[in-house]
Amino acid sequence: MNALHGRPLPVYGDGMQVRDWLYVEDHCRAIGLTLDASVEGQTFNVGGRAERVNIEIAQTICTRLDRRFAEDATVRGRFPECPASRG
């Protein structure tokens, strides 16, 4: 939403922190499975094998927004304060 409204993206430090990105539904399903199958004191690791550097995610969001705004004038009209609206 920050990118759409022309506000800075919250990238902390140099943005080189690595995170494993996971769909919310997949994460919720994993929580449910561990609750159903867990033994007291057991530890589970849930991951999506989709590790990315935070700055890479921010750059991907900006690239995709640029592409979408270039292709669809209605999006430019809805978010005029987005830098992608101004090219």
PDB file of N, CA and C in Angstrom:
ATOM      1  N   MET A   1       0.827  -1.194   0.000  1.00  0.00           N
ATOM      2  CA  MET A   1       0.000   0.000   0.000  1.00  0.00           C
ATOM      3  C   MET A   1       0.869   1.254   0.000  1.00  0.00           C
ATOM      4  N   ASN A   2       2.008   1.180   0.696  1.00  0.00           N
ATOM      5  CA  ASN A   2       2.889   2.344   0.694  1.00  0.00           C
ATOM      6  C   ASN A   2       3.324   2.687  -0.726  1.00  0.00           C
ATOM      7  N   ALA A   3       3.696   1.701  -1.502  1.00  0.00           N
ATOM      8  CA  ALA A   3       4.143   1.946  -2.874  1.00  0.00           C
ATOM      9  C   ALA A   3       3.024   2.567  -3.704  1.00  0.00           C
ATOM     10  N   LEU A   4       1.808   2.085  -3.542  1.00  0.00           N
ATOM     11  CA  LEU A   4       0.676   2.616  -4.298  1.00  0.00           C
ATOM     12  C   LEU A   4       0.368   4.059  -3.942  1.00  0.00           C
ATOM     13  N   HIS A   5       0.667   4.447  -2.726  1.00  0.00           N
ATOM     14  CA  HIS A   5       0.355   5.799  -2.271  1.00  0.00           C
ATOM     15  C   HIS A   5       1.573   6.716  -2.252  1.00  0.00           C
ATOM     16  N   GLY A   6       2.668   6.286  -2.892  1.00  0.00           N
ATOM     17  CA  GLY A   6       3.840   7.124  -3.031  1.00  0.00           C
ATOM     18  C   GLY A   6       4.616   7.342  -1.744  1.00  0.00           C
ATOM     19  N   ARG A   7       4.429   6.455  -0.781  1.00  0.00           N
ATOM     20  CA  ARG A   7       5.154   6.558   0.485  1.00  0.00           C
ATOM     21  C   ARG A   7       6.359   5.616   0.463  1.00  0.00           C
ATOM     22  N   PRO A   8       7.374   5.906   1.274  1.00  0.00           N
ATOM     23  CA  PRO A   8       8.550   5.033   1.305  1.00  0.00           C
ATOM     24  C   PRO A   8       8.187   3.610   1.743  1.00  0.00           C
ATOM     25  N   LEU A   9       8.892   2.647   1.194  1.00  0.00           N
ATOM     26  CA  LEU A   9       8.717   1.265   1.606  1.00  0.00           C
ATOM     27  C   LEU A   9       9.562   1.023   2.851  1.00  0.00           C
ATOM     28  N   PRO A  10       9.028   0.333   3.848  1.00  0.00           N
ATOM     29  CA  PRO A  10       9.777   0.119   5.090  1.00  0.00           C
ATOM     30  C   PRO A  10      10.821  -0.988   4.951  1.00  0.00           C
ATOM     31  N   VAL A  11      11.984  -0.613   4.447  1.00  0.00           N
ATOM     32  CA  VAL A  11      13.095  -1.552   4.340  1.00  0.00           C
ATOM     33  C   VAL A  11      14.063  -1.208   5.466  1.00  0.00           C
ATOM     34  N   TYR A  12      14.341  -2.153   6.311  1.00  0.00           N
ATOM     35  CA  TYR A  12      15.175  -1.906   7.478  1.00  0.00           C
ATOM     36  C   TYR A  12      16.634  -2.200   7.191  1.00  0.00           C
ATOM     37  N   GLY A  13      17.488  -1.322   7.683  1.00  0.00           N
ATOM     38  CA  GLY A  13      18.925  -1.492   7.472  1.00  0.00           C
ATOM     39  C   GLY A  13      19.234  -1.494   5.988  1.00  0.00           C
ATOM     40  N   ASP A  14      20.062  -2.430   5.569  1.00  0.00           N
ATOM     41  CA  ASP A  14      20.433  -2.518   4.155  1.00  0.00           C
ATOM     42  C   ASP A  14      19.495  -3.428   3.361  1.00  0.00           C
ATOM     43  N   GLY A  15      18.491  -3.992   4.025  1.00  0.00           N
ATOM     44  CA  GLY A  15      17.523  -4.844   3.342  1.00  0.00           C
ATOM     45  C   GLY A  15      18.042  -6.228   2.999  1.00  0.00           C
ATOM     46  N   MET A  16      19.185  -6.598   3.529  1.00  0.00           N
ATOM     47  CA  MET A  16      19.792  -7.881   3.177  1.00  0.00           C
ATOM     48  C   MET A  16      19.354  -9.032   4.084  1.00  0.00           C
ATOM     49  N   GLN A  17      18.391  -8.788   4.960  1.00  0.00           N
ATOM     50  CA  GLN A  17      17.882  -9.858   5.817  1.00  0.00           C
ATOM     51  C   GLN A  17      17.139 -10.875   4.942  1.00  0.00           C
ATOM     52  N   VAL A  18      17.331 -12.142   5.247  1.00  0.00           N
ATOM     53  CA  VAL A  18      16.706 -13.218   4.474  1.00  0.00           C
ATOM     54  C   VAL A  18      15.465 -13.698   5.211  1.00  0.00           C
ATOM     55  N   ARG A  19      14.381 -13.838   4.476  1.00  0.00           N
ATOM     56  CA  ARG A  19      13.131 -14.351   5.035  1.00  0.00           C
ATOM     57  C   ARG A  19      12.627 -15.472   4.125  1.00  0.00           C
ATOM     58  N   ASP A  20      11.911 -16.401   4.726  1.00  0.00           N
ATOM     59  CA  ASP A  20      11.268 -17.472   3.961  1.00  0.00           C
ATOM     60  C   ASP A  20       9.822 -17.059   3.765  1.00  0.00           C
ATOM     61  N   TRP A  21       9.438 -16.811   2.531  1.00  0.00           N
ATOM     62  CA  TRP A  21       8.095 -16.319   2.218  1.00  0.00           C
ATOM     63  C   TRP A  21       7.143 -17.493   2.036  1.00  0.00           C
ATOM     64  N   LEU A  22       5.969 -17.371   2.637  1.00  0.00           N
ATOM     65  CA  LEU A  22       4.998 -18.456   2.677  1.00  0.00           C
ATOM     66  C   LEU A  22       3.596 -17.872   2.545  1.00  0.00           C
ATOM     67  N   TYR A  23       2.741 -18.505   1.767  1.00  0.00           N
ATOM     68  CA  TYR A  23       1.360 -18.077   1.654  1.00  0.00           C
ATOM     69  C   TYR A  23       0.666 -18.230   3.006  1.00  0.00           C
ATOM     70  N   VAL A  24      -0.178 -17.263   3.330  1.00  0.00           N
ATOM     71  CA  VAL A  24      -0.881 -17.280   4.616  1.00  0.00           C
ATOM     72  C   VAL A  24      -1.692 -18.561   4.782  1.00  0.00           C
ATOM     73  N   GLU A  25      -2.394 -18.969   3.721  1.00  0.00           N
ATOM     74  CA  GLU A  25      -3.217 -20.178   3.815  1.00  0.00           C
ATOM     75  C   GLU A  25      -2.367 -21.409   4.111  1.00  0.00           C
ATOM     76  N   ASP A  26      -1.186 -21.478   3.497  1.00  0.00           N
ATOM     77  CA  ASP A  26      -0.287 -22.605   3.749  1.00  0.00           C
ATOM     78  C   ASP A  26       0.200 -22.601   5.188  1.00  0.00           C
ATOM     79  N   HIS A  27       0.513 -21.438   5.700  1.00  0.00           N
ATOM     80  CA  HIS A  27       0.971 -21.331   7.075  1.00  0.00           C
ATOM     81  C   HIS A  27      -0.134 -21.745   8.042  1.00  0.00           C
ATOM     82  N   CYS A  28      -1.349 -21.278   7.800  1.00  0.00           N
ATOM     83  CA  CYS A  28      -2.482 -21.651   8.655  1.00  0.00           C
ATOM     84  C   CYS A  28      -2.734 -23.156   8.617  1.00  0.00           C
ATOM     85  N   ARG A  29      -2.623 -23.752   7.436  1.00  0.00           N
ATOM     86  CA  ARG A  29      -2.804 -25.201   7.304  1.00  0.00           C
ATOM     87  C   ARG A  29      -1.741 -25.941   8.114  1.00  0.00           C
ATOM     88  N   ALA A  30      -0.508 -25.466   8.065  1.00  0.00           N
ATOM     89  CA  ALA A  30       0.569 -26.092   8.825  1.00  0.00           C
ATOM     90  C   ALA A  30       0.323 -25.982  10.321  1.00  0.00           C
ATOM     91  N   ILE A  31      -0.161 -24.857  10.774  1.00  0.00           N
ATOM     92  CA  ILE A  31      -0.485 -24.698  12.195  1.00  0.00           C
ATOM     93  C   ILE A  31      -1.557 -25.703  12.596  1.00  0.00           C
ATOM     94  N   GLY A  32      -2.587 -25.825  11.775  1.00  0.00           N
ATOM     95  CA  GLY A  32      -3.653 -26.787  12.065  1.00  0.00           C
ATOM     96  C   GLY A  32      -3.135 -28.211  12.128  1.00  0.00           C
ATOM     97  N   LEU A  33      -2.273 -28.578  11.194  1.00  0.00           N
ATOM     98  CA  LEU A  33      -1.718 -29.929  11.187  1.00  0.00           C
ATOM     99  C   LEU A  33      -0.867 -30.198  12.427  1.00  0.00           C
ATOM    100  N   THR A  34      -0.087 -29.212  12.835  1.00  0.00           N
ATOM    101  CA  THR A  34       0.738 -29.421  14.025  1.00  0.00           C
ATOM    102  C   THR A  34      -0.114 -29.514  15.281  1.00  0.00           C
ATOM    103  N   LEU A  35      -1.206 -28.760  15.331  1.00  0.00           N
ATOM    104  CA  LEU A  35      -2.098 -28.854  16.497  1.00  0.00           C
ATOM    105  C   LEU A  35      -2.761 -30.221  16.567  1.00  0.00           C
ATOM    106  N   ASP A  36      -3.126 -30.754  15.404  1.00  0.00           N
ATOM    107  CA  ASP A  36      -3.793 -32.059  15.371  1.00  0.00           C
ATOM    108  C   ASP A  36      -2.822 -33.216  15.643  1.00  0.00           C
ATOM    109  N   ALA A  37      -1.569 -33.080  15.205  1.00  0.00           N
ATOM    110  CA  ALA A  37      -0.639 -34.202  15.272  1.00  0.00           C
ATOM    111  C   ALA A  37       0.459 -34.040  16.311  1.00  0.00           C
ATOM    112  N   SER A  38       0.469 -32.927  16.994  1.00  0.00           N
ATOM    113  CA  SER A  38       1.621 -32.646  17.852  1.00  0.00           C
ATOM    114  C   SER A  38       1.601 -33.425  19.155  1.00  0.00           C
ATOM    115  N   VAL A  39       2.771 -33.571  19.673  1.00  0.00           N
ATOM    116  CA  VAL A  39       2.994 -34.170  20.977  1.00  0.00           C
ATOM    117  C   VAL A  39       3.529 -33.027  21.842  1.00  0.00           C
ATOM    118  N   GLU A  40       3.099 -32.980  23.080  1.00  0.00           N
ATOM    119  CA  GLU A  40       3.532 -31.896  23.952  1.00  0.00           C
ATOM    120  C   GLU A  40       5.047 -31.774  23.960  1.00  0.00           C
ATOM    121  N   GLY A  41       5.543 -30.557  23.769  1.00  0.00           N
ATOM    122  CA  GLY A  41       6.973 -30.290  23.760  1.00  0.00           C
ATOM    123  C   GLY A  41       7.643 -30.471  22.414  1.00  0.00           C
ATOM    124  N   GLN A  42       6.924 -30.942  21.421  1.00  0.00           N
ATOM    125  CA  GLN A  42       7.486 -31.160  20.078  1.00  0.00           C
ATOM    126  C   GLN A  42       7.710 -29.821  19.384  1.00  0.00           C
ATOM    127  N   THR A  43       8.740 -29.747  18.574  1.00  0.00           N
ATOM    128  CA  THR A  43       9.050 -28.541  17.809  1.00  0.00           C
ATOM    129  C   THR A  43       8.840 -28.822  16.332  1.00  0.00           C
ATOM    130  N   PHE A  44       8.221 -27.866  15.639  1.00  0.00           N
ATOM    131  CA  PHE A  44       7.995 -27.984  14.201  1.00  0.00           C
ATOM    132  C   PHE A  44       8.587 -26.764  13.507  1.00  0.00           C
ATOM    133  N   ASN A  45       9.190 -26.967  12.366  1.00  0.00           N
ATOM    134  CA  ASN A  45       9.635 -25.871  11.506  1.00  0.00           C
ATOM    135  C   ASN A  45       8.721 -25.835  10.299  1.00  0.00           C
ATOM    136  N   VAL A  46       8.173 -24.683  10.033  1.00  0.00           N
ATOM    137  CA  VAL A  46       7.287 -24.506   8.887  1.00  0.00           C
ATOM    138  C   VAL A  46       7.974 -23.536   7.932  1.00  0.00           C
ATOM    139  N   GLY A  47       8.163 -23.956   6.702  1.00  0.00           N
ATOM    140  CA  GLY A  47       8.808 -23.095   5.717  1.00  0.00           C
ATOM    141  C   GLY A  47       8.323 -23.396   4.329  1.00  0.00           C
ATOM    142  N   GLY A  48       8.578 -22.476   3.439  1.00  0.00           N
ATOM    143  CA  GLY A  48       8.123 -22.634   2.072  1.00  0.00           C
ATOM    144  C   GLY A  48       9.237 -22.850   1.072  1.00  0.00           C
ATOM    145  N   ARG A  49      10.482 -22.943   1.577  1.00  0.00           N
ATOM    146  CA  ARG A  49      11.642 -23.074   0.698  1.00  0.00           C
ATOM    147  C   ARG A  49      11.661 -21.967  -0.360  1.00  0.00           C
ATOM    148  N   ALA A  50      11.286 -20.772   0.093  1.00  0.00           N
ATOM    149  CA  ALA A  50      11.236 -19.607  -0.796  1.00  0.00           C
ATOM    150  C   ALA A  50      11.978 -18.449  -0.130  1.00  0.00           C
ATOM    151  N   GLU A  51      13.224 -18.700   0.247  1.00  0.00           N
ATOM    152  CA  GLU A  51      14.004 -17.670   0.925  1.00  0.00           C
ATOM    153  C   GLU A  51      14.380 -16.571  -0.054  1.00  0.00           C
ATOM    154  N   ARG A  52      14.167 -15.347   0.393  1.00  0.00           N
ATOM    155  CA  ARG A  52      14.493 -14.170  -0.416  1.00  0.00           C
ATOM    156  C   ARG A  52      15.059 -13.094   0.500  1.00  0.00           C
ATOM    157  N   VAL A  53      15.912 -12.263  -0.069  1.00  0.00           N
ATOM    158  CA  VAL A  53      16.432 -11.101   0.627  1.00  0.00           C
ATOM    159  C   VAL A  53      15.341 -10.026   0.590  1.00  0.00           C
ATOM    160  N   ASN A  54      15.121  -9.347   1.706  1.00  0.00           N
ATOM    161  CA  ASN A  54      14.039  -8.364   1.784  1.00  0.00           C
ATOM    162  C   ASN A  54      14.087  -7.317   0.678  1.00  0.00           C
ATOM    163  N   ILE A  55      15.263  -6.800   0.364  1.00  0.00           N
ATOM    164  CA  ILE A  55      15.359  -5.761  -0.661  1.00  0.00           C
ATOM    165  C   ILE A  55      14.924  -6.300  -2.021  1.00  0.00           C
ATOM    166  N   GLU A  56      15.132  -7.584  -2.258  1.00  0.00           N
ATOM    167  CA  GLU A  56      14.691  -8.219  -3.510  1.00  0.00           C
ATOM    168  C   GLU A  56      13.163  -8.192  -3.614  1.00  0.00           C
ATOM    169  N   ILE A  57      12.492  -8.423  -2.496  1.00  0.00           N
ATOM    170  CA  ILE A  57      11.027  -8.381  -2.492  1.00  0.00           C
ATOM    171  C   ILE A  57      10.540  -6.973  -2.798  1.00  0.00           C
ATOM    172  N   ALA A  58      11.153  -5.968  -2.170  1.00  0.00           N
ATOM    173  CA  ALA A  58      10.768  -4.577  -2.418  1.00  0.00           C
ATOM    174  C   ALA A  58      10.980  -4.218  -3.888  1.00  0.00           C
ATOM    175  N   GLN A  59      12.104  -4.632  -4.464  1.00  0.00           N
ATOM    176  CA  GLN A  59      12.384  -4.346  -5.871  1.00  0.00           C
ATOM    177  C   GLN A  59      11.397  -5.050  -6.794  1.00  0.00           C
ATOM    178  N   THR A  60      11.017  -6.277  -6.451  1.00  0.00           N
ATOM    179  CA  THR A  60      10.043  -7.026  -7.250  1.00  0.00           C
ATOM    180  C   THR A  60       8.682  -6.331  -7.222  1.00  0.00           C
ATOM    181  N   ILE A  61       8.280  -5.868  -6.052  1.00  0.00           N
ATOM    182  CA  ILE A  61       7.001  -5.144  -5.937  1.00  0.00           C
ATOM    183  C   ILE A  61       7.031  -3.909  -6.834  1.00  0.00           C
ATOM    184  N   CYS A  62       8.102  -3.130  -6.774  1.00  0.00           N
ATOM    185  CA  CYS A  62       8.195  -1.920  -7.585  1.00  0.00           C
ATOM    186  C   CYS A  62       8.198  -2.233  -9.077  1.00  0.00           C
ATOM    187  N   THR A  63       8.923  -3.262  -9.481  1.00  0.00           N
ATOM    188  CA  THR A  63       8.976  -3.649 -10.890  1.00  0.00           C
ATOM    189  C   THR A  63       7.599  -4.064 -11.396  1.00  0.00           C
ATOM    190  N   ARG A  64       6.901  -4.848 -10.600  1.00  0.00           N
ATOM    191  CA  ARG A  64       5.566  -5.303 -11.022  1.00  0.00           C
ATOM    192  C   ARG A  64       4.569  -4.155 -11.060  1.00  0.00           C
ATOM    193  N   LEU A  65       4.686  -3.235 -10.101  1.00  0.00           N
ATOM    194  CA  LEU A  65       3.812  -2.064 -10.142  1.00  0.00           C
ATOM    195  C   LEU A  65       4.092  -1.223 -11.381  1.00  0.00           C
ATOM    196  N   ASP A  66       5.361  -0.995 -11.692  1.00  0.00           N
ATOM    197  CA  ASP A  66       5.709  -0.229 -12.892  1.00  0.00           C
ATOM    198  C   ASP A  66       5.079  -0.852 -14.133  1.00  0.00           C
ATOM    199  N   ARG A  67       5.188  -2.177 -14.240  1.00  0.00           N
ATOM    200  CA  ARG A  67       4.639  -2.884 -15.397  1.00  0.00           C
ATOM    201  C   ARG A  67       3.113  -2.741 -15.456  1.00  0.00           C
ATOM    202  N   ARG A  68       2.471  -2.934 -14.317  1.00  0.00           N
ATOM    203  CA  ARG A  68       1.003  -2.868 -14.279  1.00  0.00           C
ATOM    204  C   ARG A  68       0.502  -1.467 -14.615  1.00  0.00           C
ATOM    205  N   PHE A  69       1.166  -0.445 -14.066  1.00  0.00           N
ATOM    206  CA  PHE A  69       0.762   0.926 -14.343  1.00  0.00           C
ATOM    207  C   PHE A  69       0.976   1.285 -15.804  1.00  0.00           C
ATOM    208  N   ALA A  70       2.032   0.768 -16.406  1.00  0.00           N
ATOM    209  CA  ALA A  70       2.299   1.034 -17.821  1.00  0.00           C
ATOM    210  C   ALA A  70       1.240   0.396 -18.715  1.00  0.00           C
ATOM    211  N   GLU A  71       0.700  -0.731 -18.292  1.00  0.00           N
ATOM    212  CA  GLU A  71      -0.264  -1.483 -19.103  1.00  0.00           C
ATOM    213  C   GLU A  71      -1.706  -1.025 -18.916  1.00  0.00           C
ATOM    214  N   ASP A  72      -2.037  -0.428 -17.774  1.00  0.00           N
ATOM    215  CA  ASP A  72      -3.439  -0.185 -17.430  1.00  0.00           C
ATOM    216  C   ASP A  72      -3.650   1.245 -16.936  1.00  0.00           C
ATOM    217  N   ALA A  73      -4.204   2.084 -17.785  1.00  0.00           N
ATOM    218  CA  ALA A  73      -4.439   3.491 -17.433  1.00  0.00           C
ATOM    219  C   ALA A  73      -5.424   3.647 -16.285  1.00  0.00           C
ATOM    220  N   THR A  74      -6.317   2.690 -16.109  1.00  0.00           N
ATOM    221  CA  THR A  74      -7.278   2.816 -15.003  1.00  0.00           C
ATOM    222  C   THR A  74      -6.588   2.732 -13.656  1.00  0.00           C
ATOM    223  N   VAL A  75      -5.514   1.971 -13.575  1.00  0.00           N
ATOM    224  CA  VAL A  75      -4.754   1.879 -12.330  1.00  0.00           C
ATOM    225  C   VAL A  75      -4.075   3.217 -12.046  1.00  0.00           C
ATOM    226  N   ARG A  76      -3.535   3.840 -13.092  1.00  0.00           N
ATOM    227  CA  ARG A  76      -2.900   5.152 -12.916  1.00  0.00           C
ATOM    228  C   ARG A  76      -3.898   6.156 -12.377  1.00  0.00           C
ATOM    229  N   GLY A  77      -5.130   6.090 -12.849  1.00  0.00           N
ATOM    230  CA  GLY A  77      -6.167   7.002 -12.372  1.00  0.00           C
ATOM    231  C   GLY A  77      -6.554   6.762 -10.925  1.00  0.00           C
ATOM    232  N   ARG A  78      -6.497   5.517 -10.482  1.00  0.00           N
ATOM    233  CA  ARG A  78      -6.870   5.182  -9.097  1.00  0.00           C
ATOM    234  C   ARG A  78      -5.788   5.546  -8.100  1.00  0.00           C
ATOM    235  N   PHE A  79      -4.533   5.554  -8.546  1.00  0.00           N
ATOM    236  CA  PHE A  79      -3.409   5.826  -7.644  1.00  0.00           C
ATOM    237  C   PHE A  79      -2.477   6.881  -8.252  1.00  0.00           C
ATOM    238  N   PRO A  80      -2.964   8.110  -8.400  1.00  0.00           N
ATOM    239  CA  PRO A  80      -2.159   9.149  -9.053  1.00  0.00           C
ATOM    240  C   PRO A  80      -0.897   9.528  -8.280  1.00  0.00           C
ATOM    241  N   GLU A  81      -0.873   9.278  -6.968  1.00  0.00           N
ATOM    242  CA  GLU A  81       0.304   9.644  -6.175  1.00  0.00           C
ATOM    243  C   GLU A  81       1.420   8.598  -6.230  1.00  0.00           C
ATOM    244  N   CYS A  82       1.154   7.471  -6.862  1.00  0.00           N
ATOM    245  CA  CYS A  82       2.171   6.423  -7.007  1.00  0.00           C
ATOM    246  C   CYS A  82       3.213   6.896  -8.032  1.00  0.00           C
ATOM    247  N   PRO A  83       4.503   6.764  -7.716  1.00  0.00           N
ATOM    248  CA  PRO A  83       5.530   7.147  -8.694  1.00  0.00           C
ATOM    249  C   PRO A  83       5.348   6.457 -10.051  1.00  0.00           C
ATOM    250  N   ALA A  84       4.825   5.251 -10.070  1.00  0.00           N
ATOM    251  CA  ALA A  84       4.603   4.547 -11.344  1.00  0.00           C
ATOM    252  C   ALA A  84       3.551   5.257 -12.192  1.00  0.00           C
ATOM    253  N   SER A  85       2.663   6.035 -11.597  1.00  0.00           N
ATOM    254  CA  SER A  85       1.665   6.791 -12.350  1.00  0.00           C
ATOM    255  C   SER A  85       2.311   7.896 -13.168  1.00  0.00           C
ATOM    256  N   ARG A  86       3.439   8.366 -12.675  1.00  0.00           N
ATOM    257  CA  ARG A  86       4.140   9.471 -13.328  1.00  0.00           C
ATOM    258  C   ARG A  86       5.256   8.971 -14.231  1.00  0.00           C
ATOM    259  N   GLY A  87       5.324   7.656 -14.384  1.00  0.00           N
ATOM    260  CA  GLY A  87       6.339   7.063 -15.254  1.00  0.00           C
ATOM    261  C   GLY A  87       7.662   6.912 -14.573  1.00  0.00           C
TER     262      GLY A  87
END
